Protein backbone atom coordinates (compact mmCIF):
# COMPACT_ATOMS: atom_id res chain seq x y z
CA UNK A 1 12.61 7.46 19.60
CA UNK A 2 12.61 9.92 22.54
CA UNK A 3 9.70 9.27 24.94
CA UNK A 4 9.56 12.87 26.26
CA UNK A 5 6.57 14.57 24.61
CA UNK A 6 8.39 17.90 24.77
CA UNK A 7 11.10 16.72 22.38
CA UNK A 8 10.76 17.69 18.72
CA UNK A 9 13.37 16.70 16.14
CA UNK A 10 13.20 18.44 12.76
CA UNK A 11 14.74 17.12 9.56
CA UNK A 12 15.02 17.80 5.84
CA UNK A 13 15.89 14.50 4.15
CA UNK A 14 16.75 14.56 0.43
CA UNK A 15 18.77 12.45 -2.00
CA UNK A 16 18.39 9.24 -0.01
CA UNK A 17 18.78 5.80 -1.60
CA UNK A 18 19.27 2.28 -0.27
CA UNK A 19 20.52 -0.89 -1.92
CA UNK A 20 20.65 -1.54 -5.62
CA UNK A 21 19.04 -3.86 -8.14
CA UNK A 22 20.13 -7.40 -7.22
CA UNK A 23 21.66 -6.30 -3.91
CA UNK A 24 18.92 -5.00 -1.59
CA UNK A 25 19.64 -3.73 1.90
CA UNK A 26 18.49 -5.98 4.76
CA UNK A 27 15.63 -4.72 6.88
CA UNK A 28 13.75 -1.55 5.99
CA UNK A 29 15.15 0.78 3.35
CA UNK A 30 14.25 4.28 4.62
CA UNK A 31 12.61 4.31 8.08
CA UNK A 32 11.65 7.55 9.88
CA UNK A 33 9.88 7.59 13.23
CA UNK A 34 9.10 9.59 16.31
CA UNK A 35 8.93 8.02 19.77
CA UNK A 36 5.29 6.98 19.43
CA UNK A 37 1.83 8.50 19.21
CA UNK A 38 2.26 10.08 22.68
CA UNK A 39 6.00 10.63 22.80
CA UNK A 40 8.74 12.58 21.03
CA UNK A 41 7.84 14.00 17.64
CA UNK A 42 9.73 14.02 14.34
CA UNK A 43 8.92 16.89 11.95
CA UNK A 44 10.17 16.31 8.39
CA UNK A 45 9.93 19.05 5.79
CA UNK A 46 10.96 16.83 2.89
CA UNK A 47 11.60 13.10 2.60
CA UNK A 48 12.91 12.56 -0.93
CA UNK A 49 14.23 9.20 -2.09
CA UNK A 50 15.95 7.94 -5.19
CA UNK A 51 16.06 4.17 -5.85
CA UNK A 52 15.36 1.94 -2.84
CA UNK A 53 15.78 -1.86 -2.81
CA UNK A 54 15.17 -3.77 0.44
CA UNK A 55 14.69 -7.29 1.75
CA UNK A 56 13.49 -7.43 5.34
CA UNK A 57 14.76 -10.96 5.92
CA UNK A 58 11.69 -11.91 7.98
CA UNK A 59 11.20 -15.66 8.35
CA UNK A 60 8.34 -17.21 6.35
CA UNK A 61 5.21 -17.70 8.45
CA UNK A 62 5.92 -14.71 10.71
CA UNK A 63 2.77 -12.64 11.36
CA UNK A 64 3.92 -10.04 13.90
CA UNK A 65 6.78 -8.34 12.06
CA UNK A 66 6.95 -6.13 8.99
CA UNK A 67 9.52 -4.02 7.17
CA UNK A 68 9.17 -1.31 4.54
CA UNK A 69 10.96 0.08 1.54
CA UNK A 70 10.05 3.65 2.54
CA UNK A 71 8.35 3.70 5.94
CA UNK A 72 7.00 6.72 7.84
CA UNK A 73 6.14 5.55 11.33
CA UNK A 74 4.22 6.83 14.36
CA UNK A 75 5.18 10.22 15.68
CA UNK A 76 6.47 11.28 12.24
CA UNK A 77 4.85 14.36 10.69
CA UNK A 78 6.00 14.84 7.11
CA UNK A 79 5.13 17.73 4.82
CA UNK A 80 6.20 16.05 1.57
CA UNK A 81 7.31 12.51 0.69
CA UNK A 82 8.61 12.17 -2.87
CA UNK A 83 9.87 8.87 -4.31
CA UNK A 84 11.85 9.99 -7.35
CA UNK A 85 13.20 6.52 -8.12
CA UNK A 86 11.76 3.00 -8.03
CA UNK A 87 11.03 1.34 -4.69
CA UNK A 88 11.36 -2.47 -4.74
CA UNK A 89 10.98 -5.00 -1.91
CA UNK A 90 11.65 -8.74 -1.87
CA UNK A 91 11.01 -10.28 1.54
CA UNK A 92 8.15 -11.67 3.59
CA UNK A 93 5.87 -8.88 4.96
CA UNK A 94 8.15 -6.33 3.27
CA UNK A 95 5.82 -3.44 2.44
CA UNK A 96 6.96 -1.15 -0.34
CA UNK A 97 5.52 2.17 0.91
CA UNK A 98 4.02 2.28 4.41
CA UNK A 99 2.61 5.14 6.50
CA UNK A 100 1.79 5.10 10.22
CA UNK A 101 2.36 8.81 10.69
CA UNK A 102 0.86 12.00 9.24
CA UNK A 103 1.86 12.99 5.70
CA UNK A 104 0.53 16.02 3.88
CA UNK A 105 1.57 15.04 0.33
CA UNK A 106 3.11 11.74 -0.83
CA UNK A 107 4.10 11.41 -4.49
CA UNK A 108 5.73 8.38 -6.13
CA UNK A 109 7.14 9.12 -9.57
CA UNK A 110 8.58 5.68 -10.47
CA UNK A 111 7.32 2.10 -10.30
CA UNK A 112 6.44 0.48 -6.96
CA UNK A 113 7.19 -3.28 -6.97
CA UNK A 114 6.89 -6.07 -4.40
CA UNK A 115 8.17 -9.62 -4.88
CA UNK A 116 7.57 -11.18 -1.45
CA UNK A 117 4.56 -12.74 0.31
CA UNK A 118 2.29 -10.10 1.92
CA UNK A 119 4.55 -7.36 0.56
CA UNK A 120 1.94 -4.70 -0.07
CA UNK A 121 2.46 -1.80 -2.49
CA UNK A 122 1.15 1.01 -0.27
CA UNK A 123 -0.15 0.46 3.26
CA UNK A 124 -1.82 3.20 5.29
CA UNK A 125 -2.33 3.07 9.05
CA UNK A 126 -2.01 6.82 9.61
CA UNK A 127 -3.16 9.92 7.75
CA UNK A 128 -2.23 10.93 4.21
CA UNK A 129 -3.93 14.04 2.89
CA UNK A 130 -2.86 13.57 -0.73
CA UNK A 131 -1.32 10.42 -2.25
CA UNK A 132 -0.34 10.27 -5.93
CA UNK A 133 1.41 7.24 -7.44
CA UNK A 134 2.25 8.24 -11.01
CA UNK A 135 3.64 4.86 -12.10
CA UNK A 136 2.27 1.31 -11.72
CA UNK A 137 2.07 -0.57 -8.45
CA UNK A 138 2.81 -4.24 -9.20
CA UNK A 139 3.07 -7.11 -6.72
CA UNK A 140 4.10 -10.73 -7.31
CA UNK A 141 3.96 -12.39 -3.89
CA UNK A 142 1.19 -14.41 -2.27
CA UNK A 143 -1.23 -12.12 -0.42
CA UNK A 144 0.62 -9.02 -1.65
CA UNK A 145 -2.12 -6.44 -2.05
CA UNK A 146 -1.65 -3.33 -4.15
CA UNK A 147 -3.07 -0.69 -1.78
CA UNK A 148 -4.95 -0.88 1.48
CA UNK A 149 -6.34 1.37 4.20
CA UNK A 150 -7.15 -0.46 7.45
CA UNK A 151 -6.61 2.35 9.96
CA UNK A 152 -6.49 6.13 9.56
CA UNK A 153 -7.53 7.68 6.28
CA UNK A 154 -6.46 9.06 2.91
CA UNK A 155 -8.25 12.14 1.64
CA UNK A 156 -7.13 11.68 -1.98
CA UNK A 157 -5.49 8.53 -3.37
CA UNK A 158 -4.60 8.68 -7.06
CA UNK A 159 -2.94 5.79 -8.93
CA UNK A 160 -1.66 5.12 -12.43
CA UNK A 161 -2.35 1.35 -12.45
CA UNK A 162 -2.51 -1.49 -9.90
CA UNK A 163 -1.61 -5.11 -10.81
CA UNK A 164 -1.23 -8.16 -8.56
CA UNK A 165 -0.21 -11.68 -9.63
CA UNK A 166 -0.74 -14.14 -6.77
CA UNK A 167 -3.42 -15.81 -4.65
CA UNK A 168 -4.87 -13.63 -1.92
CA UNK A 169 -3.45 -10.50 -3.55
CA UNK A 170 -6.32 -7.99 -3.55
CA UNK A 171 -5.84 -5.03 -5.87
CA UNK A 172 -7.22 -2.23 -3.68
CA UNK A 173 -8.80 -2.87 -0.29
CA UNK A 174 -10.52 -0.19 1.81
CA UNK A 175 -11.42 -0.89 5.44
CA UNK A 176 -11.80 2.70 6.72
CA UNK A 177 -13.61 5.81 5.43
CA UNK A 178 -11.57 7.60 2.75
CA UNK A 179 -12.17 10.58 0.51
CA UNK A 180 -11.55 10.22 -3.22
CA UNK A 181 -9.91 7.25 -5.00
CA UNK A 182 -8.77 7.63 -8.62
CA UNK A 183 -7.16 4.98 -10.87
CA UNK A 184 -6.16 6.06 -14.38
CA UNK A 185 -5.30 2.75 -16.11
CA UNK A 186 -7.28 0.13 -14.30
CA UNK A 187 -6.93 -2.51 -11.59
CA UNK A 188 -6.11 -6.13 -12.55
CA UNK A 189 -5.45 -9.25 -10.48
CA UNK A 190 -4.28 -12.69 -11.63
CA UNK A 191 -4.59 -14.82 -8.50
CA UNK A 192 -7.24 -16.81 -6.66
CA UNK A 193 -7.80 -17.34 -2.95
CA UNK A 194 -4.88 -17.56 -0.52
CA UNK A 195 -3.36 -16.33 2.76
CA UNK A 196 -2.52 -12.68 3.35
CA UNK A 197 -1.30 -10.71 6.37
CA UNK A 198 -4.01 -8.38 7.70
CA UNK A 199 -3.21 -6.29 10.81
CA UNK A 200 -0.88 -8.91 12.25
CA UNK A 201 -3.06 -11.93 11.44
CA UNK A 202 -2.80 -14.18 8.39
CA UNK A 203 -6.26 -14.68 6.89
CA UNK A 204 -7.63 -16.05 3.63
CA UNK A 205 -8.49 -13.52 0.94
CA UNK A 206 -9.55 -13.71 -2.68
CA UNK A 207 -7.68 -11.58 -5.20
CA UNK A 208 -10.62 -9.23 -5.74
CA UNK A 209 -9.68 -6.16 -7.75
CA UNK A 210 -11.59 -3.59 -5.64
CA UNK A 211 -12.68 -4.56 -2.13
CA UNK A 212 -14.64 -2.30 0.23
CA UNK A 213 -14.70 -4.10 3.57
CA UNK A 214 -17.18 -3.59 6.44
CA UNK A 215 -16.30 -0.26 8.01
CA UNK A 216 -14.78 0.96 4.78
CA UNK A 217 -16.34 3.67 2.65
CA UNK A 218 -15.43 6.24 0.01
CA UNK A 219 -16.82 9.59 -0.92
CA UNK A 220 -15.87 9.11 -4.56
CA UNK A 221 -14.24 6.37 -6.65
CA UNK A 222 -13.30 6.96 -10.28
CA UNK A 223 -11.58 4.21 -12.30
CA UNK A 224 -10.56 4.40 -15.95
CA UNK A 225 -9.33 1.26 -17.69
CA UNK A 226 -11.64 -1.24 -16.03
CA UNK A 227 -11.63 -3.55 -13.03
CA UNK A 228 -10.46 -7.04 -14.02
CA UNK A 229 -9.83 -10.40 -12.33
CA UNK A 230 -8.33 -13.52 -13.90
CA UNK A 231 -8.64 -16.07 -11.07
CA UNK A 232 -11.39 -18.70 -11.03
CA UNK A 233 -14.41 -17.52 -9.07
CA UNK A 234 -12.86 -14.17 -8.17
CA UNK A 235 -15.22 -11.21 -8.47
CA UNK A 236 -13.95 -7.87 -9.78
CA UNK A 237 -15.54 -5.95 -6.89
CA UNK A 238 -16.95 -6.57 -3.43
CA UNK A 239 -18.76 -3.83 -1.56
CA UNK A 240 -19.67 -4.02 2.14
CA UNK A 241 -19.40 -0.27 2.82
CA UNK A 242 -20.86 2.88 1.30
CA UNK A 243 -19.59 4.53 -1.89
CA UNK A 244 -21.24 7.89 -2.51
CA UNK A 245 -20.14 8.05 -6.15
CA UNK A 246 -18.68 5.22 -8.28
CA UNK A 247 -17.64 5.71 -11.90
CA UNK A 248 -15.87 2.96 -13.85
CA UNK A 249 -15.00 3.06 -17.55
CA UNK A 250 -13.64 -0.09 -19.15
CA UNK A 251 -16.07 -2.39 -17.38
CA UNK A 252 -16.03 -5.05 -14.68
CA UNK A 253 -14.41 -8.17 -16.16
CA UNK A 254 -14.00 -11.63 -14.61
CA UNK A 255 -12.14 -13.90 -17.04
CA UNK A 256 -11.50 -16.80 -14.64
CA UNK A 257 -15.05 -18.21 -14.65
CA UNK A 258 -16.02 -20.59 -11.87
CA UNK A 259 -18.98 -18.57 -10.66
CA UNK A 260 -21.29 -21.55 -10.95
CA UNK A 261 -19.66 -22.76 -7.69
CA UNK A 262 -20.68 -19.65 -5.75
């Protein structure tokens, strides 16, 4: 957290784990940071984690605090993040994977799970050149989105499957220009409309499976396994920004009905 811009700390971080099933650590699990965007810098060659279980302990209704299971923060420049074990979070605003820094390659090899309100599977506020999540992202809390990009960008985001279960829990939400988005086994949501934390403000969202917000765009989106919603009146997709190429196999499915009200 050194404020001197001339300070550079280098690290090679492997074999890290935090908490265990049924006994999560309090606060963030693995948290790496520099001093800020214009301060001391942290250079990480490898950040490799085994199992991580965390509960941030944030009070319900709090909008200006978050924690993360594995969290790369501002001023952190990481060559490779690799999650070799599951990452699980339980608390309010307890993101599972969160990036505010610059990451060249981020690979998750085991399941990513969130149980708390607004506990999002993967949040990006920085830059990730290549993101690959090779196991499902699944969230259970109110407003707990699967993946979102509100600031910064991701050049390639590739997912196995994204599932959310609660009101306000969007599957994938894009609010900034990104490169290519790939989902191999579909996006599915089970909730309706409800509150969700968005950039420090709690707003109402519908559990849309794929949401491209104003200001968001994608060069290419390719989804195998369909885009499905189960909540009443919840559309599988909303598009307010440009998509240069969109390919979906498995269809757009809305099983919840209720569209006569819209």
